[in-house]
Amino acid sequence: MGKAPFTIVEMGANRGWLCHDIIQSTMKEYPEFYANFHYIIVESNPYAREKQRLLLESIHVTDKKVSWHTYSEEGFPFDGIQGCFLSNEFVDALPVHRLRVKNKVLKEIYVSYNDSGFFEIDDEVSPDVSKQYIETFQMHLNEGQGCEVNLSAAEWLRHVSEKLLKGFVLTIDYGDTTDGIYRENGSNGTLRCFYKHTVNQNYYERLGEQDITAHVDFTNLMNTGKSLGLEVTGFTKQSHFLIALGILENLNNTKKDIETILKVKNLFHPEGMGDIFKVLIQHKNIELPQLIGLRSLHSLTM
């Protein structure tokens, strides 16, 4: 992209460690690039913002280098950027519509409440879920099988494309293509709750105390992106992406303790996060981008 100003926009930075590491690495290894780039954290939680700010102050990052903004149904409040929109485990947390086939008819699962608590109702599919989605999912669903439709992801990507004048969209999350999701996840869809490092499907228990997420349909993001001017640069497993970037060489060249090495290996090990997490990169107004994280592993010298 040349030497023009470059902006990174991170969606929901949690405690801020990814931003911290990106900035610290850039400071040391690419000082010329660092002098000409800006980092935006999209975060609405004031408590999280303060945690992030304190962490970045520990490496002497100024407000001129990092700024904070929010995201809403109206989109982003900042001007268009050249650079990269980055999300790591953001899309999986967006709200979804739940559908399932009942008596050969596609129904939507709604939630109601009475004196006994929350309960589910099967009813007509809501108008928000377009005919296109219904036709698509009927091709994949059998009797009794369920799925999730993430309309919020498509809307978010529309706002991203509006603000991205030139550059990339990097989406890291657990999920797969449409075919992969419904081949691997049985009849109950992919909606899951995470509570103290355990997984359950008790959606209406411990409200506000457990995360509720659904696998990301990367086919949806690719197709939506194309309609918005975002071309697919590449789609791969996290293991491939990290190995192509050189994580194995970095591990070999460090003297980290065993616990740290095992944590890092979990990022790319097939039985850990390596195959479950996927990386989708899309680009806009760039001709034939070549990114080393997407190169063939056969080209690497081990």
C-alpha atoms as a PDB file:
ATOM      1  CA  MET A   1       0.000   0.000   0.000  1.00  0.00           C
ATOM      2  CA  GLY A   2       3.002   2.290  -0.237  1.00  0.00           C
ATOM      3  CA  LYS A   3       3.913   4.762   2.482  1.00  0.00           C
ATOM      4  CA  ALA A   4       0.577   6.548   2.878  1.00  0.00           C
ATOM      5  CA  PRO A   5      -0.938   6.918   6.371  1.00  0.00           C
ATOM      6  CA  PHE A   6      -2.199   3.558   7.642  1.00  0.00           C
ATOM      7  CA  THR A   7      -4.973   3.055  10.199  1.00  0.00           C
ATOM      8  CA  ILE A   8      -5.767  -0.137  12.081  1.00  0.00           C
ATOM      9  CA  VAL A   9      -9.334  -0.407  13.401  1.00  0.00           C
ATOM     10  CA  GLU A  10      -9.778  -3.146  15.998  1.00  0.00           C
ATOM     11  CA  MET A  11     -13.265  -4.268  16.964  1.00  0.00           C
ATOM     12  CA  GLY A  12     -13.666  -4.848  20.702  1.00  0.00           C
ATOM     13  CA  ALA A  13     -10.120  -4.997  22.066  1.00  0.00           C
ATOM     14  CA  ASN A  14     -11.083  -6.673  25.376  1.00  0.00           C
ATOM     15  CA  ARG A  15      -8.154  -6.013  27.753  1.00  0.00           C
ATOM     16  CA  GLY A  16      -6.074  -4.518  24.925  1.00  0.00           C
ATOM     17  CA  TRP A  17      -3.289  -7.075  24.628  1.00  0.00           C
ATOM     18  CA  LEU A  18      -3.510  -7.515  20.857  1.00  0.00           C
ATOM     19  CA  CYS A  19      -3.275  -3.756  20.344  1.00  0.00           C
ATOM     20  CA  HIS A  20      -0.429  -3.616  22.879  1.00  0.00           C
ATOM     21  CA  ASP A  21       1.561  -6.316  21.063  1.00  0.00           C
ATOM     22  CA  ILE A  22       0.944  -4.912  17.579  1.00  0.00           C
ATOM     23  CA  ILE A  23       2.091  -1.453  18.630  1.00  0.00           C
ATOM     24  CA  GLN A  24       5.091  -2.687  20.605  1.00  0.00           C
ATOM     25  CA  SER A  25       6.239  -4.902  17.737  1.00  0.00           C
ATOM     26  CA  THR A  26       5.754  -2.105  15.208  1.00  0.00           C
ATOM     27  CA  MET A  27       7.720   0.336  17.367  1.00  0.00           C
ATOM     28  CA  LYS A  28      10.719  -1.994  17.458  1.00  0.00           C
ATOM     29  CA  GLU A  29      10.703  -3.606  14.019  1.00  0.00           C
ATOM     30  CA  TYR A  30       9.056  -1.046  11.694  1.00  0.00           C
ATOM     31  CA  PRO A  31       9.749   2.428  13.097  1.00  0.00           C
ATOM     32  CA  GLU A  32       9.124   4.177   9.761  1.00  0.00           C
ATOM     33  CA  PHE A  33       5.712   2.531   9.487  1.00  0.00           C
ATOM     34  CA  TYR A  34       4.975   3.269  13.153  1.00  0.00           C
ATOM     35  CA  ALA A  35       5.583   6.965  12.592  1.00  0.00           C
ATOM     36  CA  ASN A  36       2.827   7.045   9.991  1.00  0.00           C
ATOM     37  CA  PHE A  37       0.097   4.866  11.426  1.00  0.00           C
ATOM     38  CA  HIS A  38      -2.844   5.302  13.786  1.00  0.00           C
ATOM     39  CA  TYR A  39      -4.752   2.736  15.858  1.00  0.00           C
ATOM     40  CA  ILE A  40      -8.495   2.951  16.535  1.00  0.00           C
ATOM     41  CA  ILE A  41     -10.107   0.768  19.185  1.00  0.00           C
ATOM     42  CA  VAL A  42     -13.857   0.339  18.751  1.00  0.00           C
ATOM     43  CA  GLU A  43     -15.059  -0.159  22.313  1.00  0.00           C
ATOM     44  CA  SER A  44     -18.275   1.003  24.004  1.00  0.00           C
ATOM     45  CA  ASN A  45     -17.531  -0.328  27.495  1.00  0.00           C
ATOM     46  CA  PRO A  46     -15.940   2.484  29.588  1.00  0.00           C
ATOM     47  CA  TYR A  47     -14.428  -0.033  32.035  1.00  0.00           C
ATOM     48  CA  ALA A  48     -12.702  -1.894  29.174  1.00  0.00           C
ATOM     49  CA  ARG A  49     -11.527   1.393  27.674  1.00  0.00           C
ATOM     50  CA  GLU A  50      -9.817   2.359  30.919  1.00  0.00           C
ATOM     51  CA  LYS A  51      -8.112  -1.046  31.170  1.00  0.00           C
ATOM     52  CA  GLN A  52      -6.868  -0.683  27.602  1.00  0.00           C
ATOM     53  CA  ARG A  53      -5.659   2.861  28.196  1.00  0.00           C
ATOM     54  CA  LEU A  54      -3.664   1.854  31.289  1.00  0.00           C
ATOM     55  CA  LEU A  55      -2.084  -1.078  29.465  1.00  0.00           C
ATOM     56  CA  LEU A  56      -0.995   1.119  26.560  1.00  0.00           C
ATOM     57  CA  GLU A  57       0.384   3.750  28.912  1.00  0.00           C
ATOM     58  CA  SER A  58       2.795   1.074  30.170  1.00  0.00           C
ATOM     59  CA  ILE A  59       4.572   1.232  26.789  1.00  0.00           C
ATOM     60  CA  HIS A  60       4.264   5.021  26.558  1.00  0.00           C
ATOM     61  CA  VAL A  61       1.614   5.110  23.824  1.00  0.00           C
ATOM     62  CA  THR A  62       0.043   8.558  23.467  1.00  0.00           C
ATOM     63  CA  ASP A  63      -3.526   9.545  22.670  1.00  0.00           C
ATOM     64  CA  LYS A  64      -2.271  10.810  19.314  1.00  0.00           C
ATOM     65  CA  LYS A  65      -1.380   7.251  18.330  1.00  0.00           C
ATOM     66  CA  VAL A  66      -4.499   5.481  19.675  1.00  0.00           C
ATOM     67  CA  SER A  67      -8.085   6.710  19.821  1.00  0.00           C
ATOM     68  CA  TRP A  68     -11.331   5.136  20.993  1.00  0.00           C
ATOM     69  CA  HIS A  69     -14.687   5.097  19.194  1.00  0.00           C
ATOM     70  CA  THR A  70     -18.003   3.264  19.391  1.00  0.00           C
ATOM     71  CA  TYR A  71     -20.050   1.233  16.926  1.00  0.00           C
ATOM     72  CA  SER A  72     -23.833   1.305  16.581  1.00  0.00           C
ATOM     73  CA  GLU A  73     -26.581   0.472  14.107  1.00  0.00           C
ATOM     74  CA  GLU A  74     -25.719   3.745  12.378  1.00  0.00           C
ATOM     75  CA  GLY A  75     -22.129   2.580  11.864  1.00  0.00           C
ATOM     76  CA  PHE A  76     -18.820   4.180  12.831  1.00  0.00           C
ATOM     77  CA  PRO A  77     -18.417   7.863  13.834  1.00  0.00           C
ATOM     78  CA  PHE A  78     -14.934   8.345  12.337  1.00  0.00           C
ATOM     79  CA  ASP A  79     -14.006   9.287   8.764  1.00  0.00           C
ATOM     80  CA  GLY A  80     -12.986   6.849   6.048  1.00  0.00           C
ATOM     81  CA  ILE A  81      -9.593   5.171   6.467  1.00  0.00           C
ATOM     82  CA  GLN A  82      -6.800   3.540   4.525  1.00  0.00           C
ATOM     83  CA  GLY A  83      -5.515   0.489   6.349  1.00  0.00           C
ATOM     84  CA  CYS A  84      -7.092  -2.530   7.984  1.00  0.00           C
ATOM     85  CA  PHE A  85     -10.214  -3.440   9.936  1.00  0.00           C
ATOM     86  CA  LEU A  86      -9.234  -6.162  12.402  1.00  0.00           C
ATOM     87  CA  SER A  87     -11.582  -8.354  14.421  1.00  0.00           C
ATOM     88  CA  ASN A  88     -10.634 -11.266  16.646  1.00  0.00           C
ATOM     89  CA  GLU A  89     -13.619 -13.172  18.104  1.00  0.00           C
ATOM     90  CA  PHE A  90     -16.030 -10.341  17.388  1.00  0.00           C
ATOM     91  CA  VAL A  91     -18.443 -11.715  14.783  1.00  0.00           C
ATOM     92  CA  ASP A  92     -19.249 -14.870  16.806  1.00  0.00           C
ATOM     93  CA  ALA A  93     -20.717 -12.715  19.595  1.00  0.00           C
ATOM     94  CA  LEU A  94     -23.190 -10.825  17.400  1.00  0.00           C
ATOM     95  CA  PRO A  95     -26.899 -11.710  17.830  1.00  0.00           C
ATOM     96  CA  VAL A  96     -28.368 -14.360  15.537  1.00  0.00           C
ATOM     97  CA  HIS A  97     -31.736 -15.633  14.352  1.00  0.00           C
ATOM     98  CA  ARG A  98     -32.277 -19.329  15.143  1.00  0.00           C
ATOM     99  CA  LEU A  99     -34.093 -21.430  12.542  1.00  0.00           C
ATOM    100  CA  ARG A 100     -35.056 -25.086  12.321  1.00  0.00           C
ATOM    101  CA  VAL A 101     -37.095 -27.375  10.071  1.00  0.00           C
ATOM    102  CA  LYS A 102     -40.309 -28.663  11.651  1.00  0.00           C
ATOM    103  CA  ASN A 103     -42.686 -30.852   9.657  1.00  0.00           C
ATOM    104  CA  LYS A 104     -40.751 -29.926   6.514  1.00  0.00           C
ATOM    105  CA  VAL A 105     -41.382 -26.202   7.132  1.00  0.00           C
ATOM    106  CA  LEU A 106     -38.673 -23.737   8.125  1.00  0.00           C
ATOM    107  CA  LYS A 107     -39.551 -22.054  11.427  1.00  0.00           C
ATOM    108  CA  GLU A 108     -37.858 -19.447  13.584  1.00  0.00           C
ATOM    109  CA  ILE A 109     -37.249 -20.076  17.287  1.00  0.00           C
ATOM    110  CA  TYR A 110     -38.511 -17.217  19.462  1.00  0.00           C
ATOM    111  CA  VAL A 111     -38.115 -16.764  23.210  1.00  0.00           C
ATOM    112  CA  SER A 112     -41.003 -16.057  25.569  1.00  0.00           C
ATOM    113  CA  TYR A 113     -41.399 -15.863  29.336  1.00  0.00           C
ATOM    114  CA  ASN A 114     -43.902 -16.885  32.012  1.00  0.00           C
ATOM    115  CA  ASP A 115     -43.892 -17.660  35.729  1.00  0.00           C
ATOM    116  CA  SER A 116     -41.793 -20.761  35.078  1.00  0.00           C
ATOM    117  CA  GLY A 117     -39.123 -18.790  33.255  1.00  0.00           C
ATOM    118  CA  PHE A 118     -37.986 -18.548  29.640  1.00  0.00           C
ATOM    119  CA  PHE A 119     -39.237 -20.964  27.004  1.00  0.00           C
ATOM    120  CA  GLU A 120     -38.993 -21.331  23.217  1.00  0.00           C
ATOM    121  CA  ILE A 121     -41.714 -20.988  20.576  1.00  0.00           C
ATOM    122  CA  ASP A 122     -41.555 -22.096  16.939  1.00  0.00           C
ATOM    123  CA  ASP A 123     -43.285 -19.592  14.657  1.00  0.00           C
ATOM    124  CA  GLU A 124     -43.097 -17.965  11.243  1.00  0.00           C
ATOM    125  CA  VAL A 125     -39.703 -16.770  10.102  1.00  0.00           C
ATOM    126  CA  SER A 126     -39.333 -13.044  10.808  1.00  0.00           C
ATOM    127  CA  PRO A 127     -39.350 -10.583   7.894  1.00  0.00           C
ATOM    128  CA  ASP A 128     -35.768  -9.615   8.697  1.00  0.00           C
ATOM    129  CA  VAL A 129     -34.585 -13.001   7.480  1.00  0.00           C
ATOM    130  CA  SER A 130     -34.706 -12.590   3.730  1.00  0.00           C
ATOM    131  CA  LYS A 131     -36.048 -15.049   1.193  1.00  0.00           C
ATOM    132  CA  GLN A 132     -32.504 -15.553  -0.010  1.00  0.00           C
ATOM    133  CA  TYR A 133     -31.453 -16.871   3.406  1.00  0.00           C
ATOM    134  CA  ILE A 134     -34.438 -19.185   3.655  1.00  0.00           C
ATOM    135  CA  GLU A 135     -33.787 -20.714   0.259  1.00  0.00           C
ATOM    136  CA  THR A 136     -30.107 -21.126   1.029  1.00  0.00           C
ATOM    137  CA  PHE A 137     -30.558 -22.867   4.358  1.00  0.00           C
ATOM    138  CA  GLN A 138     -33.330 -25.159   3.153  1.00  0.00           C
ATOM    139  CA  MET A 139     -30.707 -26.651   0.853  1.00  0.00           C
ATOM    140  CA  HIS A 140     -28.651 -27.663   3.901  1.00  0.00           C
ATOM    141  CA  LEU A 141     -31.203 -28.511   6.605  1.00  0.00           C
ATOM    142  CA  ASN A 142     -32.971 -31.802   7.196  1.00  0.00           C
ATOM    143  CA  GLU A 143     -36.058 -32.420   9.315  1.00  0.00           C
ATOM    144  CA  GLY A 144     -35.403 -31.234  12.882  1.00  0.00           C
ATOM    145  CA  GLN A 145     -32.080 -29.631  12.022  1.00  0.00           C
ATOM    146  CA  GLY A 146     -31.350 -26.112  13.239  1.00  0.00           C
ATOM    147  CA  CYS A 147     -29.101 -23.263  12.173  1.00  0.00           C
ATOM    148  CA  GLU A 148     -28.286 -19.648  12.930  1.00  0.00           C
ATOM    149  CA  VAL A 149     -28.561 -16.651  10.613  1.00  0.00           C
ATOM    150  CA  ASN A 150     -26.304 -13.730  11.476  1.00  0.00           C
ATOM    151  CA  LEU A 151     -27.814 -10.660   9.822  1.00  0.00           C
ATOM    152  CA  SER A 152     -25.794  -8.400  12.139  1.00  0.00           C
ATOM    153  CA  ALA A 153     -22.544  -9.655  10.599  1.00  0.00           C
ATOM    154  CA  ALA A 154     -23.664  -8.603   7.135  1.00  0.00           C
ATOM    155  CA  GLU A 155     -24.734  -5.187   8.445  1.00  0.00           C
ATOM    156  CA  TRP A 156     -21.419  -4.723  10.263  1.00  0.00           C
ATOM    157  CA  LEU A 157     -19.510  -5.590   7.092  1.00  0.00           C
ATOM    158  CA  ARG A 158     -21.548  -2.999   5.182  1.00  0.00           C
ATOM    159  CA  HIS A 159     -20.460  -0.303   7.642  1.00  0.00           C
ATOM    160  CA  VAL A 160     -16.860  -1.525   7.409  1.00  0.00           C
ATOM    161  CA  SER A 161     -16.895  -1.252   3.623  1.00  0.00           C
ATOM    162  CA  GLU A 162     -18.330   2.265   3.854  1.00  0.00           C
ATOM    163  CA  LYS A 163     -15.362   3.407   5.957  1.00  0.00           C
ATOM    164  CA  LEU A 164     -12.611   1.416   4.225  1.00  0.00           C
ATOM    165  CA  LEU A 165     -11.372   3.537   1.347  1.00  0.00           C
ATOM    166  CA  LYS A 166      -8.450   1.249   0.586  1.00  0.00           C
ATOM    167  CA  GLY A 167      -7.020  -1.717   2.430  1.00  0.00           C
ATOM    168  CA  PHE A 168      -7.973  -4.965   4.122  1.00  0.00           C
ATOM    169  CA  VAL A 169     -10.519  -6.581   6.409  1.00  0.00           C
ATOM    170  CA  LEU A 170      -8.995  -9.263   8.636  1.00  0.00           C
ATOM    171  CA  THR A 171     -11.540 -11.470  10.426  1.00  0.00           C
ATOM    172  CA  ILE A 172     -10.320 -14.140  12.855  1.00  0.00           C
ATOM    173  CA  ASP A 173     -12.933 -16.337  14.492  1.00  0.00           C
ATOM    174  CA  TYR A 174     -14.120 -19.881  15.000  1.00  0.00           C
ATOM    175  CA  GLY A 175     -16.408 -21.155  12.277  1.00  0.00           C
ATOM    176  CA  ASP A 176     -16.256 -22.420   8.718  1.00  0.00           C
ATOM    177  CA  THR A 177     -17.882 -22.201   5.330  1.00  0.00           C
ATOM    178  CA  THR A 178     -21.634 -22.911   5.225  1.00  0.00           C
ATOM    179  CA  ASP A 179     -21.061 -26.491   4.078  1.00  0.00           C
ATOM    180  CA  GLY A 180     -18.436 -27.099   6.739  1.00  0.00           C
ATOM    181  CA  ILE A 181     -20.585 -25.780   9.581  1.00  0.00           C
ATOM    182  CA  TYR A 182     -23.590 -27.977   8.844  1.00  0.00           C
ATOM    183  CA  ARG A 183     -21.521 -31.018   8.010  1.00  0.00           C
ATOM    184  CA  GLU A 184     -19.720 -30.907  11.373  1.00  0.00           C
ATOM    185  CA  ASN A 185     -22.268 -29.595  13.889  1.00  0.00           C
ATOM    186  CA  GLY A 186     -25.188 -32.018  13.819  1.00  0.00           C
ATOM    187  CA  SER A 187     -28.826 -31.037  14.200  1.00  0.00           C
ATOM    188  CA  ASN A 188     -28.783 -28.403  16.945  1.00  0.00           C
ATOM    189  CA  GLY A 189     -26.893 -25.646  15.186  1.00  0.00           C
ATOM    190  CA  THR A 190     -23.772 -24.053  16.642  1.00  0.00           C
ATOM    191  CA  LEU A 191     -25.152 -21.801  19.400  1.00  0.00           C
ATOM    192  CA  ARG A 192     -23.159 -22.454  22.575  1.00  0.00           C
ATOM    193  CA  CYS A 193     -22.646 -20.979  26.030  1.00  0.00           C
ATOM    194  CA  PHE A 194     -19.230 -20.664  27.648  1.00  0.00           C
ATOM    195  CA  TYR A 195     -19.017 -20.502  31.425  1.00  0.00           C
ATOM    196  CA  LYS A 196     -15.765 -20.871  33.395  1.00  0.00           C
ATOM    197  CA  HIS A 197     -14.030 -22.716  30.544  1.00  0.00           C
ATOM    198  CA  THR A 198     -16.925 -25.156  30.094  1.00  0.00           C
ATOM    199  CA  VAL A 199     -19.382 -25.428  27.206  1.00  0.00           C
ATOM    200  CA  ASN A 200     -23.151 -25.870  27.526  1.00  0.00           C
ATOM    201  CA  GLN A 201     -26.421 -25.216  25.685  1.00  0.00           C
ATOM    202  CA  ASN A 202     -28.357 -23.863  28.679  1.00  0.00           C
ATOM    203  CA  TYR A 203     -29.070 -20.526  27.038  1.00  0.00           C
ATOM    204  CA  TYR A 204     -31.481 -19.247  29.685  1.00  0.00           C
ATOM    205  CA  GLU A 205     -29.394 -19.956  32.777  1.00  0.00           C
ATOM    206  CA  ARG A 206     -26.794 -17.698  34.442  1.00  0.00           C
ATOM    207  CA  LEU A 207     -28.012 -14.735  32.405  1.00  0.00           C
ATOM    208  CA  GLY A 208     -25.311 -12.117  32.054  1.00  0.00           C
ATOM    209  CA  GLU A 209     -22.689 -14.439  33.543  1.00  0.00           C
ATOM    210  CA  GLN A 210     -21.880 -16.620  30.525  1.00  0.00           C
ATOM    211  CA  ASP A 211     -20.997 -15.898  26.912  1.00  0.00           C
ATOM    212  CA  ILE A 212     -23.411 -16.988  24.183  1.00  0.00           C
ATOM    213  CA  THR A 213     -21.832 -17.386  20.757  1.00  0.00           C
ATOM    214  CA  ALA A 214     -22.466 -19.009  17.378  1.00  0.00           C
ATOM    215  CA  HIS A 215     -20.000 -20.234  14.772  1.00  0.00           C
ATOM    216  CA  VAL A 216     -19.218 -17.701  12.056  1.00  0.00           C
ATOM    217  CA  ASP A 217     -20.472 -18.550   8.573  1.00  0.00           C
ATOM    218  CA  PHE A 218     -17.544 -17.324   6.499  1.00  0.00           C
ATOM    219  CA  THR A 219     -19.408 -18.044   3.255  1.00  0.00           C
ATOM    220  CA  ASN A 220     -21.898 -15.382   4.328  1.00  0.00           C
ATOM    221  CA  LEU A 221     -19.070 -12.886   4.981  1.00  0.00           C
ATOM    222  CA  MET A 222     -17.427 -13.638   1.624  1.00  0.00           C
ATOM    223  CA  ASN A 223     -20.618 -13.305  -0.395  1.00  0.00           C
ATOM    224  CA  THR A 224     -21.748 -10.199   1.472  1.00  0.00           C
ATOM    225  CA  GLY A 225     -18.316  -8.651   1.087  1.00  0.00           C
ATOM    226  CA  LYS A 226     -18.253  -9.204  -2.674  1.00  0.00           C
ATOM    227  CA  SER A 227     -21.545  -7.365  -3.001  1.00  0.00           C
ATOM    228  CA  LEU A 228     -19.982  -4.441  -1.095  1.00  0.00           C
ATOM    229  CA  GLY A 229     -16.748  -4.224  -3.078  1.00  0.00           C
ATOM    230  CA  LEU A 230     -14.662  -6.373  -0.727  1.00  0.00           C
ATOM    231  CA  GLU A 231     -12.794  -9.023  -2.689  1.00  0.00           C
ATOM    232  CA  VAL A 232     -11.614 -12.254  -1.054  1.00  0.00           C
ATOM    233  CA  THR A 233      -7.847 -12.121  -0.582  1.00  0.00           C
ATOM    234  CA  GLY A 234      -7.751 -15.506   1.097  1.00  0.00           C
ATOM    235  CA  PHE A 235      -9.427 -17.853   3.555  1.00  0.00           C
ATOM    236  CA  THR A 236      -7.463 -20.347   5.626  1.00  0.00           C
ATOM    237  CA  LYS A 237      -7.088 -22.070   8.975  1.00  0.00           C
ATOM    238  CA  GLN A 238      -5.404 -20.159  11.776  1.00  0.00           C
ATOM    239  CA  SER A 239      -2.684 -22.835  11.851  1.00  0.00           C
ATOM    240  CA  HIS A 240      -1.793 -22.202   8.200  1.00  0.00           C
ATOM    241  CA  PHE A 241      -1.864 -18.435   8.688  1.00  0.00           C
ATOM    242  CA  LEU A 242       0.468 -18.444  11.713  1.00  0.00           C
ATOM    243  CA  ILE A 243       2.904 -20.963  10.266  1.00  0.00           C
ATOM    244  CA  ALA A 244       3.091 -19.004   7.003  1.00  0.00           C
ATOM    245  CA  LEU A 245       3.811 -15.866   9.036  1.00  0.00           C
ATOM    246  CA  GLY A 246       6.770 -17.637  10.692  1.00  0.00           C
ATOM    247  CA  ILE A 247       5.532 -18.663  14.137  1.00  0.00           C
ATOM    248  CA  LEU A 248       7.616 -21.863  14.102  1.00  0.00           C
ATOM    249  CA  GLU A 249      10.824 -19.958  13.431  1.00  0.00           C
ATOM    250  CA  ASN A 250       9.990 -17.489  16.194  1.00  0.00           C
ATOM    251  CA  LEU A 251       9.401 -20.341  18.655  1.00  0.00           C
ATOM    252  CA  ASN A 252      12.713 -21.949  17.740  1.00  0.00           C
ATOM    253  CA  ASN A 253      14.552 -18.677  18.261  1.00  0.00           C
ATOM    254  CA  THR A 254      13.152 -17.941  21.714  1.00  0.00           C
ATOM    255  CA  LYS A 255      14.013 -19.247  25.166  1.00  0.00           C
ATOM    256  CA  LYS A 256      10.485 -19.211  26.501  1.00  0.00           C
ATOM    257  CA  ASP A 257       9.423 -21.430  29.394  1.00  0.00           C
ATOM    258  CA  ILE A 258       7.557 -24.651  28.662  1.00  0.00           C
ATOM    259  CA  GLU A 259       4.184 -23.249  29.789  1.00  0.00           C
ATOM    260  CA  THR A 260       4.436 -20.325  27.362  1.00  0.00           C
ATOM    261  CA  ILE A 261       5.527 -22.600  24.500  1.00  0.00           C
ATOM    262  CA  LEU A 262       2.533 -24.879  25.074  1.00  0.00           C
ATOM    263  CA  LYS A 263       0.170 -21.889  25.082  1.00  0.00           C
ATOM    264  CA  VAL A 264       1.622 -20.644  21.797  1.00  0.00           C
ATOM    265  CA  LYS A 265       1.430 -24.097  20.224  1.00  0.00           C
ATOM    266  CA  ASN A 266      -2.284 -24.246  21.094  1.00  0.00           C
ATOM    267  CA  LEU A 267      -2.789 -21.332  18.673  1.00  0.00           C
ATOM    268  CA  PHE A 268      -1.769 -23.443  15.681  1.00  0.00           C
ATOM    269  CA  HIS A 269      -2.122 -27.066  16.815  1.00  0.00           C
ATOM    270  CA  PRO A 270      -4.863 -28.907  14.829  1.00  0.00           C
ATOM    271  CA  GLU A 271      -6.449 -30.243  18.034  1.00  0.00           C
ATOM    272  CA  GLY A 272      -6.350 -26.817  19.670  1.00  0.00           C
ATOM    273  CA  MET A 273      -7.288 -23.518  18.065  1.00  0.00           C
ATOM    274  CA  GLY A 274      -5.337 -24.129  14.864  1.00  0.00           C
ATOM    275  CA  ASP A 275      -8.115 -25.756  12.847  1.00  0.00           C
ATOM    276  CA  ILE A 276     -11.202 -24.492  14.702  1.00  0.00           C
ATOM    277  CA  PHE A 277     -10.295 -20.840  14.139  1.00  0.00           C
ATOM    278  CA  LYS A 278     -10.277 -19.495  10.604  1.00  0.00           C
ATOM    279  CA  VAL A 279      -8.798 -16.381   9.034  1.00  0.00           C
ATOM    280  CA  LEU A 280     -10.645 -14.478   6.312  1.00  0.00           C
ATOM    281  CA  ILE A 281      -8.882 -11.598   4.572  1.00  0.00           C
ATOM    282  CA  GLN A 282     -10.746  -9.319   2.179  1.00  0.00           C
ATOM    283  CA  HIS A 283      -9.388  -6.326   0.298  1.00  0.00           C
ATOM    284  CA  LYS A 284     -10.691  -3.191  -1.378  1.00  0.00           C
ATOM    285  CA  ASN A 285      -9.134  -1.015  -4.102  1.00  0.00           C
ATOM    286  CA  ILE A 286      -5.906  -3.046  -4.148  1.00  0.00           C
ATOM    287  CA  GLU A 287      -4.822  -5.019  -7.207  1.00  0.00           C
ATOM    288  CA  LEU A 288      -3.645  -8.602  -6.633  1.00  0.00           C
ATOM    289  CA  PRO A 289      -2.352  -8.268  -3.054  1.00  0.00           C
ATOM    290  CA  GLN A 290       0.283 -10.780  -1.977  1.00  0.00           C
ATOM    291  CA  LEU A 291       0.279 -11.530   1.757  1.00  0.00           C
ATOM    292  CA  ILE A 292       2.805 -13.897   3.300  1.00  0.00           C
ATOM    293  CA  GLY A 293       0.243 -15.232   5.773  1.00  0.00           C
ATOM    294  CA  LEU A 294      -1.632 -16.737   2.821  1.00  0.00           C
ATOM    295  CA  ARG A 295       1.343 -18.218   0.981  1.00  0.00           C
ATOM    296  CA  SER A 296       1.642 -21.951   0.352  1.00  0.00           C
ATOM    297  CA  LEU A 297       3.313 -23.836   3.178  1.00  0.00           C
ATOM    298  CA  HIS A 298       5.254 -25.808   0.560  1.00  0.00           C
ATOM    299  CA  SER A 299       7.203 -22.620  -0.101  1.00  0.00           C
ATOM    300  CA  LEU A 300       8.578 -22.562   3.446  1.00  0.00           C
ATOM    301  CA  THR A 301      11.960 -23.952   4.372  1.00  0.00           C
ATOM    302  CA  MET A 302      11.605 -25.840   7.628  1.00  0.00           C
END
